[in-house]
Protein backbone atom coordinates (compact mmCIF):
# COMPACT_ATOMS: atom_id res chain seq x y z
CA UNK A 1 179.56 -42.50 -146.17
CA UNK A 2 179.16 -40.79 -142.79
CA UNK A 3 182.36 -42.44 -141.51
CA UNK A 4 184.32 -41.26 -144.56
CA UNK A 5 183.11 -37.69 -144.13
CA UNK A 6 183.98 -37.81 -140.42
CA UNK A 7 187.43 -39.23 -141.18
CA UNK A 8 188.13 -36.42 -143.67
CA UNK A 9 186.94 -33.85 -141.13
CA UNK A 10 189.12 -35.41 -138.41
CA UNK A 11 192.16 -34.85 -140.61
CA UNK A 12 191.20 -31.36 -141.81
CA UNK A 13 190.07 -29.85 -138.48
CA UNK A 14 193.55 -29.68 -136.87
CA UNK A 15 194.87 -27.91 -139.97
CA UNK A 16 193.02 -24.80 -138.73
CA UNK A 17 195.98 -24.40 -136.37
CA UNK A 18 198.14 -23.43 -139.36
CA UNK A 19 196.86 -19.81 -139.62
CA UNK A 20 197.66 -19.32 -135.93
CA UNK A 21 201.16 -20.71 -136.41
CA UNK A 22 201.77 -18.54 -139.49
CA UNK A 23 200.44 -15.40 -137.74
CA UNK A 24 202.77 -15.86 -134.77
CA UNK A 25 205.78 -16.49 -137.02
CA UNK A 26 205.01 -13.46 -139.25
CA UNK A 27 204.61 -11.14 -136.25
CA UNK A 28 207.50 -12.80 -134.39
CA UNK A 29 205.40 -12.58 -131.23
CA UNK A 30 202.89 -14.70 -129.34
CA UNK A 31 202.03 -12.05 -126.74
CA UNK A 32 198.33 -12.13 -127.66
CA UNK A 33 198.08 -15.85 -126.87
CA UNK A 34 197.55 -16.86 -123.27
CA UNK A 35 200.30 -19.16 -122.03
CA UNK A 36 197.81 -20.67 -119.58
CA UNK A 37 195.50 -21.51 -122.49
CA UNK A 38 198.23 -22.97 -124.71
CA UNK A 39 199.83 -25.09 -122.00
CA UNK A 40 196.45 -26.07 -120.52
CA UNK A 41 195.06 -27.26 -123.84
CA UNK A 42 198.26 -29.18 -124.61
CA UNK A 43 198.24 -30.88 -121.19
CA UNK A 44 194.64 -31.95 -121.78
CA UNK A 45 195.70 -33.39 -125.15
CA UNK A 46 198.53 -35.27 -123.44
CA UNK A 47 196.06 -36.86 -121.01
CA UNK A 48 193.54 -37.68 -123.76
CA UNK A 49 196.08 -38.92 -126.30
CA UNK A 50 196.73 -42.43 -124.94
CA UNK A 51 193.02 -43.29 -125.07
CA UNK A 52 192.73 -41.77 -128.53
CA UNK A 53 195.80 -43.53 -129.88
CA UNK A 54 194.51 -46.98 -128.94
CA UNK A 55 190.85 -46.37 -129.81
CA UNK A 56 189.23 -48.76 -132.26
CA UNK A 57 187.32 -45.80 -133.70
CA UNK A 58 189.37 -44.75 -136.73
CA UNK A 59 187.93 -41.21 -136.78
CA UNK A 60 188.72 -40.55 -133.11
CA UNK A 61 192.19 -42.13 -133.37
CA UNK A 62 193.05 -40.14 -136.51
CA UNK A 63 191.81 -36.88 -134.99
CA UNK A 64 193.87 -37.45 -131.84
CA UNK A 65 197.06 -38.16 -133.76
CA UNK A 66 196.77 -35.22 -136.18
CA UNK A 67 195.51 -32.79 -133.55
CA UNK A 68 198.23 -33.76 -131.06
CA UNK A 69 200.91 -33.16 -133.70
CA UNK A 70 199.53 -29.79 -134.79
CA UNK A 71 198.85 -28.47 -131.30
CA UNK A 72 202.30 -29.53 -130.17
CA UNK A 73 203.65 -27.37 -133.01
CA UNK A 74 201.39 -24.51 -131.84
CA UNK A 75 202.75 -24.80 -128.30
CA UNK A 76 206.37 -24.90 -129.48
CA UNK A 77 205.87 -21.84 -131.72
CA UNK A 78 204.08 -19.94 -128.93
CA UNK A 79 206.94 -20.69 -126.53
CA UNK A 80 209.64 -19.79 -129.07
CA UNK A 81 208.02 -16.46 -129.96
CA UNK A 82 207.14 -15.46 -126.43
CA UNK A 83 208.72 -12.08 -125.73
CA UNK A 84 208.78 -10.19 -122.50
CA UNK A 85 207.02 -6.84 -122.44
CA UNK A 86 209.42 -3.91 -122.33
CA UNK A 87 209.64 -2.36 -118.88
CA UNK A 88 209.23 1.31 -118.56
């Protein structure tokens, strides 16, 4: 039972990235999101992903796959909607 609950949570947790994605798209700006944070987190995921993808632990493997997909989308959206501040 504990494993099933953990598996469900490992799938649901990365979905909390969706409100961030939607907010950036609606505002057409990602100025309030640190580029260092977004790129830094994604790079950490890249380094963790191989171990997660081959893990025998289903919960950890599932979380890594789903979270890597969703945070890659976050990074892409943040980069697409990055606008320079007006000079003046």
